Amino acid sequence: MTETILGRKLGMTQVWSGDDCLIPVTVIQAGPCVVTQLKTAAKEGYEAIQIGFEERKENKVNQPTKGHFAVSGATPRRYLREVRVESAAAFELGQELRIDRFQEAVKVDVTGISKGKGFAGVIKRHNFRGGPGGHGAHFHRAPGSIGQCATPSRVFKGLRLPGHMGTDKVTVKNLEVVRIDSDENLLLVKGAVPGGKGALLSVRVAR
């Protein structure tokens, strides 16, 4: 089976467990995805499949992309991702991948783009401690000294400084699968995942 499926974050809620405990869960609209391309070791040098998620209108797709989807026999999709597999021969062009393929999965890894926070200082961005908060202090939220004088007379690369925070590719690993609704293609995982409501997510079986 393929270990990855694309989906959208619908939001968070809570469900009761079998031992009467409330579990915070994230609801993910996982799939259905369609196989749009097969890549083999003989031709491309490795085994992989390309999967598409969310249908798109024909008039929103250019001619080369229309031809790409025509080969697979699938309708145009908004998002395409490549997934490594053991053998691409186990799949067919146009094959639909649904969430019920994850029935045996106990833990999953979820990848997405984190929420953007805009420009942030070092305390919020890098968890710096900061200076004293009293009235006599003149050092509160500044980063402090960032380099040396004559030697080496520059600021080192990678120094933690204020800047743009968020919109990073983040993977949260080993999230427990709480519930699967195959009819509605819903996946409920314990805890939070990257991104806001409606964010595109990639869900794979944890290794």
Protein backbone atom coordinates (compact mmCIF):
# COMPACT_ATOMS: atom_id res chain seq x y z
CA MET A 1 0.00 0.00 0.00
CA THR A 2 1.04 3.62 -0.36
CA GLU A 3 1.97 5.14 2.96
CA THR A 4 1.02 8.74 2.09
CA ILE A 5 -2.22 10.58 1.37
CA LEU A 6 -3.02 14.28 0.97
CA GLY A 7 -5.73 16.08 2.91
CA ARG A 8 -7.01 19.30 4.42
CA LYS A 9 -7.17 20.38 8.04
CA LEU A 10 -10.80 21.00 8.98
CA GLY A 11 -10.17 22.06 12.56
CA MET A 12 -9.93 20.67 16.08
CA THR A 13 -12.48 19.10 18.41
CA GLN A 14 -12.57 16.50 21.17
CA VAL A 15 -13.92 12.95 21.38
CA TRP A 16 -14.52 10.49 24.19
CA SER A 17 -12.21 7.49 24.47
CA GLY A 18 -13.24 4.01 25.57
CA ASP A 19 -12.14 4.73 29.16
CA ASP A 20 -14.22 7.94 29.40
CA CYS A 21 -11.37 10.39 28.76
CA LEU A 22 -11.65 13.45 26.50
CA ILE A 23 -9.08 13.37 23.71
CA PRO A 24 -8.21 16.55 21.75
CA VAL A 25 -8.18 15.64 18.06
CA THR A 26 -7.55 17.28 14.71
CA VAL A 27 -10.05 16.46 11.96
CA ILE A 28 -8.42 15.93 8.55
CA GLN A 29 -10.28 15.55 5.25
CA ALA A 30 -7.91 12.90 3.91
CA GLY A 31 -8.35 12.13 0.21
CA PRO A 32 -9.63 10.77 -1.97
CA CYS A 33 -6.47 11.01 -4.06
CA VAL A 34 -5.88 9.66 -7.56
CA VAL A 35 -2.74 8.17 -9.11
CA THR A 36 -1.71 10.49 -11.96
CA GLN A 37 1.74 9.10 -12.85
CA LEU A 38 3.87 6.00 -12.32
CA LYS A 39 7.66 6.20 -12.07
CA THR A 40 9.75 3.05 -12.37
CA ALA A 41 13.38 2.20 -11.71
CA ALA A 42 13.81 1.20 -15.36
CA LYS A 43 12.81 4.60 -16.69
CA GLU A 44 13.32 7.19 -13.93
CA GLY A 45 15.81 5.30 -11.77
CA TYR A 46 13.52 4.93 -8.73
CA GLU A 47 10.06 3.68 -7.81
CA ALA A 48 7.40 6.30 -7.08
CA ILE A 49 3.86 7.40 -7.85
CA GLN A 50 2.39 10.84 -8.32
CA ILE A 51 -0.91 11.47 -6.54
CA GLY A 52 -3.41 14.30 -7.11
CA PHE A 53 -5.79 15.85 -4.60
CA GLU A 54 -8.89 18.05 -5.03
CA GLU A 55 -10.56 18.33 -8.40
CA ARG A 56 -10.02 21.48 -10.46
CA LYS A 57 -12.05 23.04 -13.26
CA GLU A 58 -10.90 22.29 -16.81
CA ASN A 59 -10.71 25.99 -17.74
CA LYS A 60 -8.23 26.61 -14.88
CA VAL A 61 -5.64 24.19 -16.29
CA ASN A 62 -3.20 24.89 -19.15
CA GLN A 63 -2.78 22.59 -22.15
CA PRO A 64 0.39 20.73 -21.03
CA THR A 65 -1.23 19.96 -17.67
CA LYS A 66 -4.44 18.80 -19.39
CA GLY A 67 -2.37 16.39 -21.44
CA HIS A 68 -0.66 15.09 -18.32
CA PHE A 69 -4.01 14.26 -16.71
CA ALA A 70 -5.41 12.85 -19.96
CA VAL A 71 -2.71 10.16 -19.96
CA SER A 72 -3.79 8.96 -16.52
CA GLY A 73 -7.50 9.25 -17.36
CA ALA A 74 -8.09 11.37 -14.26
CA THR A 75 -9.80 14.73 -14.02
CA PRO A 76 -7.50 17.72 -13.33
CA ARG A 77 -6.36 18.04 -9.73
CA ARG A 78 -5.32 21.11 -7.78
CA TYR A 79 -2.37 19.55 -5.93
CA LEU A 80 0.19 16.98 -7.09
CA ARG A 81 2.75 15.24 -4.90
CA GLU A 82 5.26 12.47 -5.55
CA VAL A 83 5.36 9.53 -3.15
CA ARG A 84 8.11 6.90 -3.00
CA VAL A 85 6.83 3.31 -3.04
CA GLU A 86 8.41 -0.13 -3.06
CA SER A 87 6.93 -0.98 -6.46
CA ALA A 88 4.99 1.29 -8.79
CA ALA A 89 3.68 -1.83 -10.55
CA ALA A 90 1.30 -2.34 -7.62
CA PHE A 91 -0.66 0.74 -8.74
CA GLU A 92 -2.62 1.72 -11.82
CA LEU A 93 -3.07 5.09 -13.53
CA GLY A 94 -6.31 6.68 -12.41
CA GLN A 95 -6.53 4.47 -9.31
CA GLU A 96 -8.30 6.14 -6.39
CA LEU A 97 -6.61 6.12 -2.97
CA ARG A 98 -8.94 6.47 0.00
CA ILE A 99 -8.48 6.82 3.74
CA ASP A 100 -9.50 3.21 4.40
CA ARG A 101 -5.95 2.25 3.34
CA PHE A 102 -4.88 3.62 6.75
CA GLN A 103 -7.05 1.26 8.79
CA GLU A 104 -4.00 -0.64 10.05
CA ALA A 105 -2.00 2.48 10.89
CA VAL A 106 -1.59 3.17 14.59
CA LYS A 107 0.67 6.22 14.32
CA VAL A 108 1.04 8.76 11.50
CA ASP A 109 3.36 11.65 10.62
CA VAL A 110 1.62 14.84 9.45
CA THR A 111 3.45 17.47 7.36
CA GLY A 112 2.16 20.96 6.63
CA ILE A 113 3.05 24.66 6.47
CA SER A 114 2.94 26.34 9.87
CA LYS A 115 0.91 29.48 10.52
CA GLY A 116 2.62 32.73 9.55
CA LYS A 117 3.37 35.06 12.48
CA GLY A 118 4.90 37.94 10.53
CA PHE A 119 7.97 39.82 11.83
CA ALA A 120 8.88 38.67 15.33
CA GLY A 121 11.59 39.48 17.85
CA VAL A 122 14.04 37.08 19.42
CA ILE A 123 11.92 36.40 22.52
CA LYS A 124 8.94 35.18 20.52
CA ARG A 125 10.90 33.70 17.62
CA HIS A 126 13.76 31.98 19.46
CA ASN A 127 12.55 31.88 23.10
CA PHE A 128 15.23 34.27 24.39
CA ARG A 129 14.93 35.03 28.08
CA GLY A 130 15.06 38.83 27.80
CA GLY A 131 16.31 41.38 30.28
CA PRO A 132 14.91 42.66 33.59
CA GLY A 133 11.39 44.07 33.47
CA GLY A 134 11.82 46.72 36.15
CA HIS A 135 11.71 50.50 35.63
CA GLY A 136 15.43 50.92 36.21
CA ALA A 137 16.40 48.51 33.44
CA HIS A 138 17.18 49.69 29.92
CA PHE A 139 17.34 46.21 28.39
CA HIS A 140 14.03 44.33 27.99
CA ARG A 141 13.48 42.42 24.72
CA ALA A 142 16.61 43.18 22.65
CA PRO A 143 18.92 40.36 21.46
CA GLY A 144 22.05 41.86 23.01
CA SER A 145 25.57 41.66 21.57
CA ILE A 146 25.70 39.86 18.21
CA GLY A 147 29.40 39.73 17.36
CA GLN A 148 33.01 40.69 18.05
CA CYS A 149 34.98 43.84 17.30
CA ALA A 150 38.15 43.66 15.16
CA THR A 151 38.30 39.84 15.01
CA PRO A 152 36.50 38.50 13.05
CA SER A 153 34.83 41.87 12.48
CA ARG A 154 31.59 40.35 11.21
CA VAL A 155 28.40 38.63 12.33
CA PHE A 156 28.42 34.84 11.99
CA LYS A 157 25.92 33.13 9.70
CA GLY A 158 23.00 31.45 11.43
CA LEU A 159 22.91 33.85 14.37
CA ARG A 160 19.44 33.94 15.91
CA LEU A 161 18.00 37.39 15.23
CA PRO A 162 14.57 39.03 14.74
CA GLY A 163 12.88 38.22 11.44
CA HIS A 164 10.02 36.49 9.67
CA MET A 165 8.41 33.78 11.81
CA GLY A 166 6.22 30.91 10.63
CA THR A 167 5.23 29.59 7.17
CA ASP A 168 7.81 26.81 7.57
CA LYS A 169 7.44 23.19 6.50
CA VAL A 170 6.82 21.31 9.74
CA THR A 171 6.35 17.59 10.40
CA VAL A 172 4.68 16.36 13.59
CA LYS A 173 5.60 12.72 14.12
CA ASN A 174 3.91 9.74 15.76
CA LEU A 175 0.39 11.13 16.11
CA GLU A 176 -2.09 8.52 17.27
CA VAL A 177 -4.99 7.68 14.95
CA VAL A 178 -8.12 8.01 17.10
CA ARG A 179 -10.85 7.40 14.52
CA ILE A 180 -11.36 6.84 10.79
CA ASP A 181 -14.59 7.63 8.90
CA SER A 182 -14.25 5.91 5.54
CA ASP A 183 -17.63 7.18 4.27
CA GLU A 184 -16.70 10.85 4.73
CA ASN A 185 -12.92 10.40 4.25
CA LEU A 186 -12.24 11.83 7.70
CA LEU A 187 -9.17 11.05 9.78
CA LEU A 188 -9.05 12.03 13.46
CA VAL A 189 -5.57 12.20 14.99
CA LYS A 190 -4.68 12.98 18.58
CA GLY A 191 -3.17 16.43 19.13
CA ALA A 192 -2.42 19.38 16.87
CA VAL A 193 -0.99 19.53 13.35
CA PRO A 194 0.72 22.41 11.47
CA GLY A 195 -1.28 25.14 9.74
CA GLY A 196 -4.65 26.80 10.18
CA LYS A 197 -8.08 25.66 9.05
CA GLY A 198 -8.05 24.61 5.41
CA ALA A 199 -4.29 23.99 5.34
CA LEU A 200 -2.98 21.35 2.93
CA LEU A 201 -1.50 18.37 4.78
CA SER A 202 0.45 15.27 3.89
CA VAL A 203 -0.28 12.23 6.10
CA ARG A 204 1.99 9.19 6.07
CA VAL A 205 2.28 6.06 8.17
CA ALA A 206 4.89 6.60 10.89
CA ARG A 207 8.08 4.62 10.38
